[in-house]
Amino acid sequence: MSGEELFAEPDAGAYAQHEAQLDAAKAAAYEDFDGFWAAQHPVTPAKIRGRLVTPPIDVPLVLVDKLDRVQGSTDVESVKDVLADIFGRGTVEHWTEQQMGFREFQTVLAWAGAHMRGQRVTFADAYELVKQAMADLEAQAAGKAPAPSNRKGRRAAARGRTRSGAAGD
């Protein structure tokens, strides 16, 4: 081997191949939790007011206490604060600039909350949850019991009204 060959520039392709082999060896040296978790919980990104967001797949620990406080809240800033923890402050500011309304924010929060509980729901499903929660709040304010939220509860309530109506005749 001549002196020129010893001090020649290394082949870039060979160097890149060697780096790829080292990266593969490093990856095989440990288990990849991030890859595992992503495979267990596939998500479909959604577009909200022009921003592509990924629904959460679990409740971030920073939100555990906040979610309890904001559930059923009519405080806009509380809802926006929780959404900022989920999707980022810049995204929430963008939505605000896009004139997103309070019910829209609540719908996005309901959608994200369902995904955090492992439920894949549509925005339409989330909006129905918001409307039901608002009806429950209005009923509580009027001194009435909230309407049952599931089919079984609604049927039982209907049977109770039928019986009490029949007994009073």
N, C-alpha and C. Protein backbone atom coordinates (compact mmCIF):
# COMPACT_ATOMS: atom_id res chain seq x y z
N MET A 1 0.85 -1.16 0.00
CA MET A 1 0.00 0.00 0.00
C MET A 1 0.90 1.22 0.00
N SER A 2 0.58 2.14 -0.85
CA SER A 2 1.41 3.34 -0.97
C SER A 2 0.96 4.36 0.07
N GLY A 3 1.74 5.37 0.27
CA GLY A 3 1.43 6.44 1.21
C GLY A 3 0.20 7.20 0.79
N GLU A 4 0.02 7.32 -0.55
CA GLU A 4 -1.16 8.02 -1.05
C GLU A 4 -2.44 7.30 -0.65
N GLU A 5 -2.42 5.97 -0.73
CA GLU A 5 -3.60 5.19 -0.38
C GLU A 5 -3.92 5.30 1.10
N LEU A 6 -2.88 5.38 1.94
CA LEU A 6 -3.11 5.48 3.38
C LEU A 6 -3.81 6.78 3.76
N PHE A 7 -3.48 7.86 3.05
CA PHE A 7 -4.02 9.17 3.41
C PHE A 7 -5.12 9.64 2.46
N ALA A 8 -5.70 8.76 1.69
CA ALA A 8 -6.77 9.13 0.76
C ALA A 8 -8.06 9.39 1.53
N GLU A 9 -8.92 10.21 0.94
CA GLU A 9 -10.23 10.49 1.53
C GLU A 9 -11.02 9.18 1.61
N PRO A 10 -11.71 8.95 2.73
CA PRO A 10 -12.52 7.74 2.81
C PRO A 10 -13.71 7.83 1.86
N ASP A 11 -14.13 6.68 1.40
CA ASP A 11 -15.28 6.60 0.51
C ASP A 11 -16.53 6.97 1.31
N ALA A 12 -17.25 8.01 0.87
CA ALA A 12 -18.43 8.48 1.59
C ALA A 12 -19.50 7.40 1.69
N GLY A 13 -19.70 6.63 0.64
CA GLY A 13 -20.70 5.57 0.65
C GLY A 13 -20.37 4.49 1.66
N ALA A 14 -19.10 4.12 1.74
CA ALA A 14 -18.69 3.10 2.70
C ALA A 14 -18.85 3.63 4.12
N TYR A 15 -18.55 4.91 4.32
CA TYR A 15 -18.69 5.51 5.64
C TYR A 15 -20.17 5.52 6.07
N ALA A 16 -21.06 5.90 5.16
CA ALA A 16 -22.50 5.93 5.46
C ALA A 16 -23.02 4.53 5.77
N GLN A 17 -22.53 3.54 5.03
CA GLN A 17 -22.95 2.16 5.26
C GLN A 17 -22.49 1.70 6.64
N HIS A 18 -21.26 2.06 7.01
CA HIS A 18 -20.73 1.70 8.31
C HIS A 18 -21.56 2.36 9.43
N GLU A 19 -21.92 3.63 9.25
CA GLU A 19 -22.74 4.34 10.24
C GLU A 19 -24.11 3.67 10.38
N ALA A 20 -24.71 3.26 9.27
CA ALA A 20 -26.00 2.59 9.31
C ALA A 20 -25.91 1.26 10.07
N GLN A 21 -24.82 0.54 9.87
CA GLN A 21 -24.62 -0.71 10.58
C GLN A 21 -24.47 -0.47 12.08
N LEU A 22 -23.74 0.59 12.44
CA LEU A 22 -23.59 0.92 13.86
C LEU A 22 -24.93 1.31 14.48
N ASP A 23 -25.73 2.10 13.74
CA ASP A 23 -27.05 2.49 14.24
C ASP A 23 -27.94 1.27 14.43
N ALA A 24 -27.90 0.33 13.50
CA ALA A 24 -28.70 -0.88 13.61
C ALA A 24 -28.26 -1.71 14.81
N ALA A 25 -26.95 -1.78 15.03
CA ALA A 25 -26.42 -2.53 16.18
C ALA A 25 -26.86 -1.87 17.48
N LYS A 26 -26.84 -0.53 17.53
CA LYS A 26 -27.27 0.17 18.73
C LYS A 26 -28.76 -0.07 18.98
N ALA A 27 -29.57 -0.03 17.93
CA ALA A 27 -31.00 -0.24 18.07
C ALA A 27 -31.30 -1.64 18.58
N ALA A 28 -30.53 -2.61 18.15
CA ALA A 28 -30.74 -3.99 18.58
C ALA A 28 -30.27 -4.19 20.02
N ALA A 29 -29.47 -3.27 20.54
CA ALA A 29 -28.91 -3.42 21.87
C ALA A 29 -29.90 -3.06 22.97
N TYR A 30 -31.02 -2.44 22.62
CA TYR A 30 -32.02 -2.09 23.62
C TYR A 30 -33.41 -2.22 23.03
N GLU A 31 -34.38 -2.39 23.91
CA GLU A 31 -35.76 -2.49 23.47
C GLU A 31 -36.32 -1.08 23.27
N ASP A 32 -37.12 -0.90 22.24
CA ASP A 32 -37.66 0.41 21.90
C ASP A 32 -39.10 0.53 22.40
N PHE A 33 -39.26 1.16 23.57
CA PHE A 33 -40.59 1.33 24.15
C PHE A 33 -41.45 2.23 23.28
N ASP A 34 -40.88 3.30 22.73
CA ASP A 34 -41.64 4.22 21.91
C ASP A 34 -42.25 3.51 20.71
N GLY A 35 -41.45 2.68 20.06
CA GLY A 35 -41.95 1.92 18.92
C GLY A 35 -43.03 0.93 19.33
N PHE A 36 -42.80 0.26 20.46
CA PHE A 36 -43.78 -0.68 20.98
C PHE A 36 -45.11 0.02 21.28
N TRP A 37 -45.06 1.16 21.99
CA TRP A 37 -46.26 1.86 22.39
C TRP A 37 -47.03 2.38 21.18
N ALA A 38 -46.32 2.90 20.21
CA ALA A 38 -46.96 3.40 18.99
C ALA A 38 -47.66 2.26 18.25
N ALA A 39 -47.06 1.08 18.24
CA ALA A 39 -47.66 -0.07 17.56
C ALA A 39 -48.91 -0.55 18.30
N GLN A 40 -48.95 -0.40 19.62
CA GLN A 40 -50.10 -0.84 20.41
C GLN A 40 -51.28 0.11 20.28
N HIS A 41 -50.99 1.38 19.99
CA HIS A 41 -52.02 2.41 19.96
C HIS A 41 -51.94 3.23 18.68
N PRO A 42 -52.28 2.62 17.55
CA PRO A 42 -52.22 3.40 16.30
C PRO A 42 -53.25 4.53 16.34
N VAL A 43 -52.86 5.68 15.86
CA VAL A 43 -53.75 6.84 15.84
C VAL A 43 -53.80 7.43 14.44
N THR A 44 -54.90 8.07 14.17
CA THR A 44 -55.07 8.76 12.91
C THR A 44 -55.06 10.25 13.20
N PRO A 45 -54.13 10.98 12.63
CA PRO A 45 -54.12 12.44 12.86
C PRO A 45 -55.42 13.06 12.36
N ALA A 46 -55.74 14.21 12.92
CA ALA A 46 -56.95 14.93 12.54
C ALA A 46 -56.60 16.38 12.23
N LYS A 47 -57.37 16.98 11.34
CA LYS A 47 -57.16 18.39 11.03
C LYS A 47 -58.22 19.20 11.76
N ILE A 48 -57.75 20.16 12.57
CA ILE A 48 -58.65 21.03 13.31
C ILE A 48 -58.25 22.47 12.99
N ARG A 49 -59.15 23.17 12.32
CA ARG A 49 -58.91 24.55 11.91
C ARG A 49 -57.55 24.73 11.22
N GLY A 50 -57.28 23.82 10.31
CA GLY A 50 -56.08 23.93 9.49
C GLY A 50 -54.83 23.34 10.11
N ARG A 51 -54.88 22.90 11.34
CA ARG A 51 -53.72 22.31 12.01
C ARG A 51 -53.89 20.80 12.10
N LEU A 52 -52.86 20.07 11.71
CA LEU A 52 -52.87 18.62 11.84
C LEU A 52 -52.41 18.27 13.25
N VAL A 53 -53.24 17.55 14.00
CA VAL A 53 -52.91 17.16 15.36
C VAL A 53 -53.05 15.65 15.50
N THR A 54 -52.34 15.12 16.46
CA THR A 54 -52.41 13.69 16.76
C THR A 54 -53.16 13.52 18.07
N PRO A 55 -54.22 12.71 18.07
CA PRO A 55 -54.95 12.54 19.33
C PRO A 55 -54.08 11.85 20.37
N PRO A 56 -54.21 12.25 21.62
CA PRO A 56 -53.42 11.59 22.67
C PRO A 56 -53.89 10.16 22.87
N ILE A 57 -52.97 9.30 23.28
CA ILE A 57 -53.33 7.89 23.50
C ILE A 57 -53.34 7.53 24.98
N ASP A 58 -53.00 8.49 25.82
CA ASP A 58 -53.00 8.26 27.26
C ASP A 58 -53.09 9.62 27.94
N VAL A 59 -53.42 9.63 29.21
CA VAL A 59 -53.53 10.89 29.93
C VAL A 59 -52.14 11.31 30.41
N PRO A 60 -51.63 12.44 29.90
CA PRO A 60 -50.36 12.92 30.43
C PRO A 60 -50.50 13.22 31.92
N LEU A 61 -49.51 12.83 32.70
CA LEU A 61 -49.61 13.00 34.15
C LEU A 61 -49.87 14.45 34.56
N VAL A 62 -49.36 15.39 33.78
CA VAL A 62 -49.57 16.80 34.11
C VAL A 62 -51.05 17.16 34.07
N LEU A 63 -51.86 16.36 33.40
CA LEU A 63 -53.28 16.67 33.24
C LEU A 63 -54.20 15.98 34.23
N VAL A 64 -53.71 15.02 34.98
CA VAL A 64 -54.60 14.22 35.83
C VAL A 64 -55.46 15.11 36.72
N ASP A 65 -54.86 16.03 37.46
CA ASP A 65 -55.62 16.90 38.35
C ASP A 65 -56.42 17.94 37.57
N LYS A 66 -55.84 18.47 36.50
CA LYS A 66 -56.52 19.51 35.72
C LYS A 66 -57.80 18.98 35.09
N LEU A 67 -57.78 17.75 34.61
CA LEU A 67 -58.96 17.19 33.96
C LEU A 67 -60.14 17.10 34.93
N ASP A 68 -59.86 16.74 36.18
CA ASP A 68 -60.93 16.67 37.17
C ASP A 68 -61.54 18.05 37.40
N ARG A 69 -60.70 19.08 37.43
CA ARG A 69 -61.20 20.43 37.69
C ARG A 69 -61.96 21.00 36.49
N VAL A 70 -61.57 20.66 35.28
CA VAL A 70 -62.17 21.28 34.09
C VAL A 70 -63.39 20.52 33.56
N GLN A 71 -63.59 19.31 34.02
CA GLN A 71 -64.72 18.52 33.52
C GLN A 71 -66.04 19.23 33.81
N GLY A 72 -66.79 19.49 32.78
CA GLY A 72 -68.06 20.20 32.90
C GLY A 72 -67.90 21.69 33.12
N SER A 73 -66.68 22.19 33.01
CA SER A 73 -66.42 23.61 33.24
C SER A 73 -66.96 24.46 32.10
N THR A 74 -67.41 25.65 32.46
CA THR A 74 -67.81 26.62 31.44
C THR A 74 -66.79 27.75 31.37
N ASP A 75 -65.64 27.54 32.00
CA ASP A 75 -64.57 28.54 31.98
C ASP A 75 -63.68 28.33 30.76
N VAL A 76 -63.73 29.27 29.83
CA VAL A 76 -63.00 29.16 28.57
C VAL A 76 -61.51 28.97 28.80
N GLU A 77 -60.94 29.76 29.69
CA GLU A 77 -59.48 29.69 29.92
C GLU A 77 -59.05 28.35 30.47
N SER A 78 -59.86 27.73 31.32
CA SER A 78 -59.52 26.41 31.86
C SER A 78 -59.48 25.37 30.75
N VAL A 79 -60.48 25.42 29.87
CA VAL A 79 -60.53 24.47 28.75
C VAL A 79 -59.33 24.69 27.83
N LYS A 80 -59.03 25.95 27.50
CA LYS A 80 -57.89 26.26 26.63
C LYS A 80 -56.58 25.83 27.27
N ASP A 81 -56.46 25.97 28.59
CA ASP A 81 -55.25 25.58 29.30
C ASP A 81 -55.00 24.07 29.18
N VAL A 82 -56.05 23.29 29.36
CA VAL A 82 -55.91 21.83 29.24
C VAL A 82 -55.58 21.45 27.80
N LEU A 83 -56.26 22.07 26.84
CA LEU A 83 -55.96 21.77 25.44
C LEU A 83 -54.53 22.15 25.08
N ALA A 84 -54.01 23.22 25.68
CA ALA A 84 -52.62 23.62 25.42
C ALA A 84 -51.66 22.56 25.96
N ASP A 85 -52.00 21.94 27.09
CA ASP A 85 -51.15 20.87 27.62
C ASP A 85 -51.18 19.64 26.71
N ILE A 86 -52.29 19.43 26.02
CA ILE A 86 -52.42 18.27 25.13
C ILE A 86 -51.79 18.54 23.77
N PHE A 87 -52.14 19.67 23.15
CA PHE A 87 -51.75 19.93 21.77
C PHE A 87 -50.69 21.01 21.60
N GLY A 88 -50.36 21.72 22.65
CA GLY A 88 -49.37 22.79 22.57
C GLY A 88 -50.02 24.15 22.55
N ARG A 89 -49.41 25.10 23.23
CA ARG A 89 -49.95 26.45 23.34
C ARG A 89 -50.10 27.10 21.97
N GLY A 90 -49.12 26.89 21.07
CA GLY A 90 -49.18 27.50 19.74
C GLY A 90 -50.39 27.03 18.95
N THR A 91 -50.73 25.77 19.08
CA THR A 91 -51.90 25.23 18.38
C THR A 91 -53.18 25.86 18.91
N VAL A 92 -53.29 25.97 20.23
CA VAL A 92 -54.49 26.56 20.83
C VAL A 92 -54.59 28.04 20.46
N GLU A 93 -53.47 28.74 20.43
CA GLU A 93 -53.48 30.14 20.01
C GLU A 93 -53.92 30.26 18.55
N HIS A 94 -53.46 29.33 17.71
CA HIS A 94 -53.89 29.32 16.30
C HIS A 94 -55.40 29.14 16.21
N TRP A 95 -55.94 28.19 16.97
CA TRP A 95 -57.38 27.96 16.95
C TRP A 95 -58.14 29.19 17.42
N THR A 96 -57.61 29.87 18.42
CA THR A 96 -58.24 31.09 18.92
C THR A 96 -58.23 32.16 17.84
N GLU A 97 -57.11 32.31 17.16
CA GLU A 97 -57.01 33.28 16.07
C GLU A 97 -57.96 32.94 14.92
N GLN A 98 -58.26 31.67 14.77
CA GLN A 98 -59.19 31.22 13.72
C GLN A 98 -60.65 31.34 14.16
N GLN A 99 -60.88 32.03 15.28
CA GLN A 99 -62.23 32.29 15.79
C GLN A 99 -62.98 31.03 16.21
N MET A 100 -62.24 30.05 16.74
CA MET A 100 -62.89 28.84 17.22
C MET A 100 -63.74 29.19 18.44
N GLY A 101 -64.97 28.67 18.48
CA GLY A 101 -65.89 28.97 19.57
C GLY A 101 -65.72 28.03 20.75
N PHE A 102 -66.39 28.39 21.85
CA PHE A 102 -66.26 27.62 23.08
C PHE A 102 -66.76 26.19 22.92
N ARG A 103 -67.91 26.01 22.26
CA ARG A 103 -68.40 24.64 22.05
C ARG A 103 -67.44 23.84 21.18
N GLU A 104 -66.77 24.51 20.26
CA GLU A 104 -65.78 23.82 19.44
C GLU A 104 -64.60 23.37 20.30
N PHE A 105 -64.14 24.25 21.19
CA PHE A 105 -63.05 23.87 22.11
C PHE A 105 -63.49 22.71 23.00
N GLN A 106 -64.73 22.78 23.51
CA GLN A 106 -65.23 21.69 24.34
C GLN A 106 -65.31 20.38 23.55
N THR A 107 -65.70 20.47 22.28
CA THR A 107 -65.79 19.27 21.44
C THR A 107 -64.41 18.67 21.23
N VAL A 108 -63.41 19.50 20.98
CA VAL A 108 -62.05 19.00 20.81
C VAL A 108 -61.56 18.37 22.11
N LEU A 109 -61.89 18.99 23.25
CA LEU A 109 -61.49 18.44 24.54
C LEU A 109 -62.18 17.09 24.79
N ALA A 110 -63.46 16.98 24.45
CA ALA A 110 -64.17 15.70 24.61
C ALA A 110 -63.57 14.64 23.71
N TRP A 111 -63.22 15.02 22.48
CA TRP A 111 -62.60 14.09 21.52
C TRP A 111 -61.25 13.62 22.05
N ALA A 112 -60.44 14.55 22.52
CA ALA A 112 -59.12 14.19 23.06
C ALA A 112 -59.27 13.34 24.31
N GLY A 113 -60.21 13.71 25.17
CA GLY A 113 -60.43 12.95 26.41
C GLY A 113 -60.83 11.51 26.13
N ALA A 114 -61.69 11.32 25.15
CA ALA A 114 -62.10 9.96 24.79
C ALA A 114 -60.91 9.16 24.29
N HIS A 115 -60.07 9.79 23.47
CA HIS A 115 -58.88 9.08 22.98
C HIS A 115 -57.93 8.75 24.13
N MET A 116 -57.83 9.63 25.11
CA MET A 116 -56.96 9.36 26.26
C MET A 116 -57.47 8.19 27.07
N ARG A 117 -58.79 7.94 27.03
CA ARG A 117 -59.38 6.80 27.73
C ARG A 117 -59.38 5.54 26.85
N GLY A 118 -58.78 5.63 25.67
CA GLY A 118 -58.69 4.47 24.78
C GLY A 118 -59.90 4.28 23.89
N GLN A 119 -60.77 5.29 23.80
CA GLN A 119 -61.96 5.20 22.96
C GLN A 119 -61.72 6.00 21.69
N ARG A 120 -61.92 5.35 20.55
CA ARG A 120 -61.80 6.05 19.27
C ARG A 120 -63.16 6.61 18.93
N VAL A 121 -63.28 7.92 19.00
CA VAL A 121 -64.55 8.57 18.70
C VAL A 121 -64.35 9.57 17.58
N THR A 122 -65.44 9.88 16.91
CA THR A 122 -65.42 10.90 15.87
C THR A 122 -65.70 12.25 16.51
N PHE A 123 -65.53 13.31 15.73
CA PHE A 123 -65.87 14.63 16.23
C PHE A 123 -67.38 14.73 16.47
N ALA A 124 -68.17 14.05 15.64
CA ALA A 124 -69.63 14.04 15.83
C ALA A 124 -69.99 13.39 17.16
N ASP A 125 -69.32 12.27 17.49
CA ASP A 125 -69.55 11.62 18.78
C ASP A 125 -69.18 12.56 19.93
N ALA A 126 -68.05 13.23 19.79
CA ALA A 126 -67.59 14.15 20.84
C ALA A 126 -68.57 15.30 21.01
N TYR A 127 -69.10 15.80 19.91
CA TYR A 127 -70.06 16.90 19.99
C TYR A 127 -71.33 16.46 20.71
N GLU A 128 -71.77 15.23 20.47
CA GLU A 128 -72.94 14.71 21.18
C GLU A 128 -72.67 14.64 22.68
N LEU A 129 -71.44 14.26 23.07
CA LEU A 129 -71.08 14.24 24.49
C LEU A 129 -71.15 15.64 25.08
N VAL A 130 -70.68 16.63 24.33
CA VAL A 130 -70.72 18.02 24.79
C VAL A 130 -72.16 18.48 24.96
N LYS A 131 -73.00 18.19 23.98
CA LYS A 131 -74.41 18.61 24.06
C LYS A 131 -75.09 17.95 25.27
N GLN A 132 -74.77 16.68 25.52
CA GLN A 132 -75.36 15.98 26.67
C GLN A 132 -74.88 16.61 27.98
N ALA A 133 -73.60 16.92 28.06
CA ALA A 133 -73.05 17.55 29.26
C ALA A 133 -73.69 18.92 29.50
N MET A 134 -73.89 19.68 28.43
CA MET A 134 -74.52 21.00 28.56
C MET A 134 -75.98 20.84 29.01
N ALA A 135 -76.69 19.86 28.47
CA ALA A 135 -78.07 19.61 28.89
C ALA A 135 -78.12 19.21 30.36
N ASP A 136 -77.16 18.39 30.80
CA ASP A 136 -77.09 17.99 32.21
C ASP A 136 -76.86 19.20 33.11
N LEU A 137 -75.96 20.10 32.69
CA LEU A 137 -75.70 21.31 33.48
C LEU A 137 -76.94 22.18 33.57
N GLU A 138 -77.65 22.32 32.46
CA GLU A 138 -78.88 23.12 32.46
C GLU A 138 -79.94 22.48 33.35
N ALA A 139 -80.04 21.15 33.32
CA ALA A 139 -81.01 20.45 34.15
C ALA A 139 -80.66 20.61 35.63
N GLN A 140 -79.39 20.53 35.96
CA GLN A 140 -78.97 20.71 37.35
C GLN A 140 -79.28 22.13 37.82
N ALA A 141 -79.05 23.09 36.94
CA ALA A 141 -79.32 24.49 37.29
C ALA A 141 -80.82 24.71 37.51
N ALA A 142 -81.64 23.95 36.78
CA ALA A 142 -83.09 24.07 36.91
C ALA A 142 -83.63 23.18 38.03
N GLY A 143 -82.74 22.44 38.70
CA GLY A 143 -83.15 21.58 39.80
C GLY A 143 -83.68 20.24 39.36
N LYS A 144 -83.41 19.85 38.13
CA LYS A 144 -83.87 18.56 37.61
C LYS A 144 -82.71 17.59 37.62
N ALA A 145 -83.03 16.30 37.63
CA ALA A 145 -82.00 15.28 37.52
C ALA A 145 -81.52 15.24 36.07
N PRO A 146 -80.21 15.06 35.86
CA PRO A 146 -79.72 14.99 34.48
C PRO A 146 -80.30 13.78 33.74
N ALA A 147 -80.45 13.94 32.44
CA ALA A 147 -80.96 12.85 31.60
C ALA A 147 -79.93 11.73 31.57
N PRO A 148 -80.40 10.47 31.58
CA PRO A 148 -79.46 9.35 31.47
C PRO A 148 -78.67 9.45 30.17
N SER A 149 -77.38 9.13 30.24
CA SER A 149 -76.53 9.32 29.07
C SER A 149 -76.45 8.09 28.17
N ASN A 150 -76.97 6.95 28.64
CA ASN A 150 -76.90 5.78 27.77
C ASN A 150 -78.31 5.24 27.51
N ARG A 151 -78.39 4.37 26.56
CA ARG A 151 -79.68 3.83 26.11
C ARG A 151 -80.43 3.12 27.23
N LYS A 152 -79.71 2.32 28.00
CA LYS A 152 -80.33 1.57 29.09
C LYS A 152 -80.92 2.53 30.12
N GLY A 153 -80.19 3.56 30.45
CA GLY A 153 -80.67 4.55 31.42
C GLY A 153 -81.89 5.30 30.92
N ARG A 154 -81.89 5.66 29.63
CA ARG A 154 -83.05 6.36 29.06
C ARG A 154 -84.28 5.47 29.08
N ARG A 155 -84.10 4.18 28.76
CA ARG A 155 -85.24 3.26 28.77
C ARG A 155 -85.78 3.08 30.19
N ALA A 156 -84.89 2.95 31.16
CA ALA A 156 -85.33 2.80 32.54
C ALA A 156 -86.08 4.04 33.01
N ALA A 157 -85.58 5.20 32.63
CA ALA A 157 -86.26 6.45 33.00
C ALA A 157 -87.63 6.52 32.35
N ALA A 158 -87.73 6.10 31.10
CA ALA A 158 -89.01 6.12 30.40
C ALA A 158 -90.00 5.15 31.07
N ARG A 159 -89.51 3.98 31.47
CA ARG A 159 -90.39 3.02 32.16
C ARG A 159 -90.88 3.60 33.48
N GLY A 160 -90.03 4.30 34.17
CA GLY A 160 -90.41 4.92 35.45
C GLY A 160 -91.48 5.97 35.26
N ARG A 161 -91.38 6.77 34.19
CA ARG A 161 -92.41 7.79 33.92
C ARG A 161 -93.72 7.12 33.55
N THR A 162 -93.65 6.03 32.80
CA THR A 162 -94.86 5.34 32.38
C THR A 162 -95.58 4.75 33.60
N ARG A 163 -94.82 4.13 34.49
CA ARG A 163 -95.42 3.54 35.69
C ARG A 163 -96.02 4.59 36.59
N SER A 164 -95.28 5.68 36.80
CA SER A 164 -95.82 6.70 37.70
C SER A 164 -97.04 7.37 37.08
N GLY A 165 -97.04 7.52 35.76
CA GLY A 165 -98.21 8.09 35.09
C GLY A 165 -99.40 7.17 35.18
N ALA A 166 -99.16 5.86 35.07
CA ALA A 166 -100.24 4.89 35.11
C ALA A 166 -100.80 4.78 36.54
N ALA A 167 -99.93 4.90 37.52
CA ALA A 167 -100.38 4.75 38.89
C ALA A 167 -101.24 5.93 39.33
N GLY A 168 -100.98 7.10 38.72
CA GLY A 168 -101.71 8.30 39.11
C GLY A 168 -103.09 8.36 38.45
N ASP A 169 -103.39 7.49 37.50
CA ASP A 169 -104.68 7.55 36.79
C ASP A 169 -105.79 6.93 37.59
